[in-house]
Amino acid sequence: SLVLLVSVSFSTVSMGAEKPFAKGK
């Protein structure tokens, strides 16, 4: 469960960190 929680959390952070290439451009 902990592994799954960490994986989901990491994926969520990664997705949130992906900035659209044209944002603010």
PDB file of all heavy atoms in Angstrom:
ATOM      1  N   SER A   1       0.831  -1.208   0.000  1.00  0.00           N
ATOM      2  CA  SER A   1       0.000   0.000   0.000  1.00  0.00           C
ATOM      3  C   SER A   1       0.858   1.247   0.000  1.00  0.00           C
ATOM      4  O   SER A   1       0.576   2.234  -0.684  1.00  0.00           O
ATOM      5  CB  SER A   1      -0.932   0.002   1.217  1.00  0.00           C
ATOM      6  OG  SER A   1      -1.779  -1.111   1.187  1.00  0.00           O
ATOM      7  N   LEU A   2       1.940   1.193   0.825  1.00  0.00           N
ATOM      8  CA  LEU A   2       2.832   2.352   0.881  1.00  0.00           C
ATOM      9  C   LEU A   2       3.523   2.595  -0.453  1.00  0.00           C
ATOM     10  O   LEU A   2       3.676   3.729  -0.903  1.00  0.00           O
ATOM     11  CB  LEU A   2       3.885   2.136   1.986  1.00  0.00           C
ATOM     12  CG  LEU A   2       3.373   2.245   3.418  1.00  0.00           C
ATOM     13  CD1 LEU A   2       4.459   1.809   4.407  1.00  0.00           C
ATOM     14  CD2 LEU A   2       2.939   3.693   3.702  1.00  0.00           C
ATOM     15  N   VAL A   3       3.957   1.502  -1.111  1.00  0.00           N
ATOM     16  CA  VAL A   3       4.596   1.634  -2.432  1.00  0.00           C
ATOM     17  C   VAL A   3       3.638   2.260  -3.431  1.00  0.00           C
ATOM     18  O   VAL A   3       3.972   3.150  -4.210  1.00  0.00           O
ATOM     19  CB  VAL A   3       5.092   0.259  -2.941  1.00  0.00           C
ATOM     20  CG1 VAL A   3       5.501   0.343  -4.408  1.00  0.00           C
ATOM     21  CG2 VAL A   3       6.258  -0.225  -2.100  1.00  0.00           C
ATOM     22  N   LEU A   4       2.379   1.761  -3.417  1.00  0.00           N
ATOM     23  CA  LEU A   4       1.371   2.287  -4.327  1.00  0.00           C
ATOM     24  C   LEU A   4       1.109   3.760  -4.047  1.00  0.00           C
ATOM     25  O   LEU A   4       1.002   4.586  -4.972  1.00  0.00           O
ATOM     26  CB  LEU A   4       0.077   1.491  -4.188  1.00  0.00           C
ATOM     27  CG  LEU A   4      -1.105   1.952  -5.065  1.00  0.00           C
ATOM     28  CD1 LEU A   4      -0.732   1.836  -6.552  1.00  0.00           C
ATOM     29  CD2 LEU A   4      -2.353   1.118  -4.756  1.00  0.00           C
ATOM     30  N   LEU A   5       1.035   4.124  -2.774  1.00  0.00           N
ATOM     31  CA  LEU A   5       0.776   5.513  -2.390  1.00  0.00           C
ATOM     32  C   LEU A   5       1.902   6.422  -2.854  1.00  0.00           C
ATOM     33  O   LEU A   5       1.681   7.503  -3.395  1.00  0.00           O
ATOM     34  CB  LEU A   5       0.613   5.602  -0.870  1.00  0.00           C
ATOM     35  CG  LEU A   5       0.368   7.013  -0.302  1.00  0.00           C
ATOM     36  CD1 LEU A   5      -0.931   7.587  -0.879  1.00  0.00           C
ATOM     37  CD2 LEU A   5       0.304   6.961   1.226  1.00  0.00           C
ATOM     38  N   VAL A   6       3.144   5.956  -2.664  1.00  0.00           N
ATOM     39  CA  VAL A   6       4.305   6.753  -3.081  1.00  0.00           C
ATOM     40  C   VAL A   6       4.318   6.912  -4.591  1.00  0.00           C
ATOM     41  O   VAL A   6       4.591   7.981  -5.128  1.00  0.00           O
ATOM     42  CB  VAL A   6       5.623   6.094  -2.592  1.00  0.00           C
ATOM     43  CG1 VAL A   6       6.828   6.776  -3.235  1.00  0.00           C
ATOM     44  CG2 VAL A   6       5.728   6.179  -1.079  1.00  0.00           C
ATOM     45  N   SER A   7       3.985   5.817  -5.329  1.00  0.00           N
ATOM     46  CA  SER A   7       3.985   5.866  -6.795  1.00  0.00           C
ATOM     47  C   SER A   7       2.961   6.855  -7.307  1.00  0.00           C
ATOM     48  O   SER A   7       3.239   7.673  -8.190  1.00  0.00           O
ATOM     49  CB  SER A   7       3.686   4.479  -7.377  1.00  0.00           C
ATOM     50  OG  SER A   7       4.681   3.559  -6.999  1.00  0.00           O
ATOM     51  N   VAL A   8       1.755   6.782  -6.724  1.00  0.00           N
ATOM     52  CA  VAL A   8       0.692   7.691  -7.141  1.00  0.00           C
ATOM     53  C   VAL A   8       1.074   9.130  -6.835  1.00  0.00           C
ATOM     54  O   VAL A   8       0.884  10.040  -7.640  1.00  0.00           O
ATOM     55  CB  VAL A   8      -0.635   7.313  -6.457  1.00  0.00           C
ATOM     56  CG1 VAL A   8      -1.691   8.384  -6.718  1.00  0.00           C
ATOM     57  CG2 VAL A   8      -1.125   5.965  -6.976  1.00  0.00           C
ATOM     58  N   SER A   9       1.635   9.336  -5.626  1.00  0.00           N
ATOM     59  CA  SER A   9       2.023  10.687  -5.230  1.00  0.00           C
ATOM     60  C   SER A   9       3.099  11.229  -6.153  1.00  0.00           C
ATOM     61  O   SER A   9       3.070  12.375  -6.589  1.00  0.00           O
ATOM     62  CB  SER A   9       2.531  10.679  -3.778  1.00  0.00           C
ATOM     63  OG  SER A   9       1.509  10.244  -2.911  1.00  0.00           O
ATOM     64  N   PHE A  10       4.072  10.385  -6.498  1.00  0.00           N
ATOM     65  CA  PHE A  10       5.172  10.813  -7.371  1.00  0.00           C
ATOM     66  C   PHE A  10       4.643  11.158  -8.761  1.00  0.00           C
ATOM     67  O   PHE A  10       5.031  12.165  -9.356  1.00  0.00           O
ATOM     68  CB  PHE A  10       6.211   9.692  -7.464  1.00  0.00           C
ATOM     69  CG  PHE A  10       7.376  10.043  -8.350  1.00  0.00           C
ATOM     70  CD1 PHE A  10       8.376  10.891  -7.896  1.00  0.00           C
ATOM     71  CD2 PHE A  10       7.469   9.535  -9.642  1.00  0.00           C
ATOM     72  CE1 PHE A  10       9.451  11.226  -8.705  1.00  0.00           C
ATOM     73  CE2 PHE A  10       8.540   9.863 -10.451  1.00  0.00           C
ATOM     74  CZ  PHE A  10       9.535  10.703  -9.985  1.00  0.00           C
ATOM     75  N   SER A  11       3.717  10.292  -9.258  1.00  0.00           N
ATOM     76  CA  SER A  11       3.145  10.546 -10.585  1.00  0.00           C
ATOM     77  C   SER A  11       2.378  11.851 -10.599  1.00  0.00           C
ATOM     78  O   SER A  11       2.452  12.625 -11.548  1.00  0.00           O
ATOM     79  CB  SER A  11       2.220   9.392 -11.004  1.00  0.00           C
ATOM     80  OG  SER A  11       2.955   8.182 -11.082  1.00  0.00           O
ATOM     81  N   THR A  12       1.635  12.088  -9.510  1.00  0.00           N
ATOM     82  CA  THR A  12       0.833  13.302  -9.433  1.00  0.00           C
ATOM     83  C   THR A  12       1.725  14.532  -9.435  1.00  0.00           C
ATOM     84  O   THR A  12       1.469  15.515 -10.124  1.00  0.00           O
ATOM     85  CB  THR A  12      -0.033  13.297  -8.161  1.00  0.00           C
ATOM     86  OG1 THR A  12      -0.852  12.140  -8.188  1.00  0.00           O
ATOM     87  CG2 THR A  12      -0.908  14.536  -8.099  1.00  0.00           C
ATOM     88  N   VAL A  13       2.821  14.459  -8.670  1.00  0.00           N
ATOM     89  CA  VAL A  13       3.757  15.578  -8.622  1.00  0.00           C
ATOM     90  C   VAL A  13       4.382  15.803  -9.987  1.00  0.00           C
ATOM     91  O   VAL A  13       4.523  16.926 -10.469  1.00  0.00           O
ATOM     92  CB  VAL A  13       4.848  15.321  -7.561  1.00  0.00           C
ATOM     93  CG1 VAL A  13       5.961  16.363  -7.682  1.00  0.00           C
ATOM     94  CG2 VAL A  13       4.254  15.342  -6.170  1.00  0.00           C
ATOM     95  N   SER A  14       4.748  14.671 -10.665  1.00  0.00           N
ATOM     96  CA  SER A  14       5.384  14.782 -11.979  1.00  0.00           C
ATOM     97  C   SER A  14       4.449  15.416 -12.977  1.00  0.00           C
ATOM     98  O   SER A  14       4.830  16.295 -13.755  1.00  0.00           O
ATOM     99  CB  SER A  14       5.809  13.397 -12.473  1.00  0.00           C
ATOM    100  OG  SER A  14       6.756  12.843 -11.597  1.00  0.00           O
ATOM    101  N   MET A  15       3.183  14.956 -12.968  1.00  0.00           N
ATOM    102  CA  MET A  15       2.199  15.505 -13.911  1.00  0.00           C
ATOM    103  C   MET A  15       1.963  16.975 -13.638  1.00  0.00           C
ATOM    104  O   MET A  15       1.854  17.795 -14.548  1.00  0.00           O
ATOM    105  CB  MET A  15       0.889  14.721 -13.818  1.00  0.00           C
ATOM    106  CG  MET A  15       1.003  13.301 -14.354  1.00  0.00           C
ATOM    107  SD  MET A  15      -0.518  12.369 -14.109  1.00  0.00           S
ATOM    108  CE  MET A  15      -1.664  13.292 -15.112  1.00  0.00           C
ATOM    109  N   GLY A  16       1.909  17.318 -12.354  1.00  0.00           N
ATOM    110  CA  GLY A  16       1.666  18.705 -12.017  1.00  0.00           C
ATOM    111  C   GLY A  16       2.838  19.587 -12.392  1.00  0.00           C
ATOM    112  O   GLY A  16       2.695  20.775 -12.624  1.00  0.00           O
ATOM    113  N   ALA A  17       4.049  18.954 -12.422  1.00  0.00           N
ATOM    114  CA  ALA A  17       5.243  19.737 -12.724  1.00  0.00           C
ATOM    115  C   ALA A  17       5.432  19.957 -14.215  1.00  0.00           C
ATOM    116  O   ALA A  17       6.272  20.744 -14.624  1.00  0.00           O
ATOM    117  CB  ALA A  17       6.469  19.034 -12.149  1.00  0.00           C
ATOM    118  N   GLU A  18       4.709  19.181 -15.052  1.00  0.00           N
ATOM    119  CA  GLU A  18       4.834  19.320 -16.500  1.00  0.00           C
ATOM    120  C   GLU A  18       4.154  20.606 -16.956  1.00  0.00           C
ATOM    121  O   GLU A  18       2.933  20.690 -17.042  1.00  0.00           O
ATOM    122  CB  GLU A  18       4.206  18.116 -17.210  1.00  0.00           C
ATOM    123  CG  GLU A  18       5.017  16.843 -17.039  1.00  0.00           C
ATOM    124  CD  GLU A  18       4.379  15.676 -17.774  1.00  0.00           C
ATOM    125  OE1 GLU A  18       3.326  15.872 -18.410  1.00  0.00           O
ATOM    126  OE2 GLU A  18       4.922  14.570 -17.700  1.00  0.00           O
ATOM    127  N   LYS A  19       4.948  21.598 -17.271  1.00  0.00           N
ATOM    128  CA  LYS A  19       4.421  22.879 -17.711  1.00  0.00           C
ATOM    129  C   LYS A  19       4.194  22.852 -19.215  1.00  0.00           C
ATOM    130  O   LYS A  19       5.079  22.462 -19.965  1.00  0.00           O
ATOM    131  CB  LYS A  19       5.420  23.983 -17.348  1.00  0.00           C
ATOM    132  CG  LYS A  19       4.965  25.381 -17.715  1.00  0.00           C
ATOM    133  CD  LYS A  19       6.029  26.388 -17.316  1.00  0.00           C
ATOM    134  CE  LYS A  19       5.610  27.794 -17.719  1.00  0.00           C
ATOM    135  NZ  LYS A  19       6.656  28.790 -17.359  1.00  0.00           N
ATOM    136  N   PRO A  20       3.006  23.236 -19.689  1.00  0.00           N
ATOM    137  CA  PRO A  20       2.757  23.272 -21.136  1.00  0.00           C
ATOM    138  C   PRO A  20       3.818  24.129 -21.830  1.00  0.00           C
ATOM    139  O   PRO A  20       4.212  25.181 -21.319  1.00  0.00           O
ATOM    140  CB  PRO A  20       1.372  23.917 -21.222  1.00  0.00           C
ATOM    141  CG  PRO A  20       0.712  23.616 -19.912  1.00  0.00           C
ATOM    142  CD  PRO A  20       1.829  23.657 -18.913  1.00  0.00           C
ATOM    143  N   PHE A  21       4.301  23.656 -23.002  1.00  0.00           N
ATOM    144  CA  PHE A  21       5.406  24.334 -23.673  1.00  0.00           C
ATOM    145  C   PHE A  21       5.078  25.781 -24.046  1.00  0.00           C
ATOM    146  O   PHE A  21       5.978  26.605 -24.193  1.00  0.00           O
ATOM    147  CB  PHE A  21       5.816  23.556 -24.938  1.00  0.00           C
ATOM    148  CG  PHE A  21       4.867  23.721 -26.110  1.00  0.00           C
ATOM    149  CD1 PHE A  21       5.068  24.726 -27.048  1.00  0.00           C
ATOM    150  CD2 PHE A  21       3.775  22.867 -26.270  1.00  0.00           C
ATOM    151  CE1 PHE A  21       4.213  24.876 -28.123  1.00  0.00           C
ATOM    152  CE2 PHE A  21       2.920  23.015 -27.344  1.00  0.00           C
ATOM    153  CZ  PHE A  21       3.129  24.027 -28.271  1.00  0.00           C
ATOM    154  N   ALA A  22       3.785  26.093 -24.193  1.00  0.00           N
ATOM    155  CA  ALA A  22       3.408  27.438 -24.630  1.00  0.00           C
ATOM    156  C   ALA A  22       2.861  28.317 -23.513  1.00  0.00           C
ATOM    157  O   ALA A  22       2.461  29.455 -23.770  1.00  0.00           O
ATOM    158  CB  ALA A  22       2.375  27.344 -25.753  1.00  0.00           C
ATOM    159  N   LYS A  23       2.856  27.807 -22.284  1.00  0.00           N
ATOM    160  CA  LYS A  23       2.286  28.579 -21.186  1.00  0.00           C
ATOM    161  C   LYS A  23       3.082  29.863 -20.955  1.00  0.00           C
ATOM    162  O   LYS A  23       4.298  29.841 -20.789  1.00  0.00           O
ATOM    163  CB  LYS A  23       2.253  27.754 -19.902  1.00  0.00           C
ATOM    164  CG  LYS A  23       1.553  28.457 -18.739  1.00  0.00           C
ATOM    165  CD  LYS A  23       1.450  27.545 -17.545  1.00  0.00           C
ATOM    166  CE  LYS A  23       0.768  28.229 -16.369  1.00  0.00           C
ATOM    167  NZ  LYS A  23      -0.607  28.667 -16.684  1.00  0.00           N
ATOM    168  N   GLY A  24       2.380  30.991 -20.963  1.00  0.00           N
ATOM    169  CA  GLY A  24       3.026  32.278 -20.751  1.00  0.00           C
ATOM    170  C   GLY A  24       3.876  32.730 -21.925  1.00  0.00           C
ATOM    171  O   GLY A  24       4.628  33.704 -21.814  1.00  0.00           O
ATOM    172  N   LYS A  25       3.757  32.028 -23.063  1.00  0.00           N
ATOM    173  CA  LYS A  25       4.589  32.332 -24.224  1.00  0.00           C
ATOM    174  C   LYS A  25       3.750  32.917 -25.369  1.00  0.00           C
ATOM    175  O   LYS A  25       2.520  33.013 -25.282  1.00  0.00           O
ATOM    176  CB  LYS A  25       5.290  31.064 -24.721  1.00  0.00           C
ATOM    177  CG  LYS A  25       6.163  30.392 -23.689  1.00  0.00           C
ATOM    178  CD  LYS A  25       7.389  31.199 -23.379  1.00  0.00           C
ATOM    179  CE  LYS A  25       8.280  30.505 -22.354  1.00  0.00           C
ATOM    180  NZ  LYS A  25       8.813  29.231 -22.821  1.00  0.00           N
TER     181      LYS A  25
END
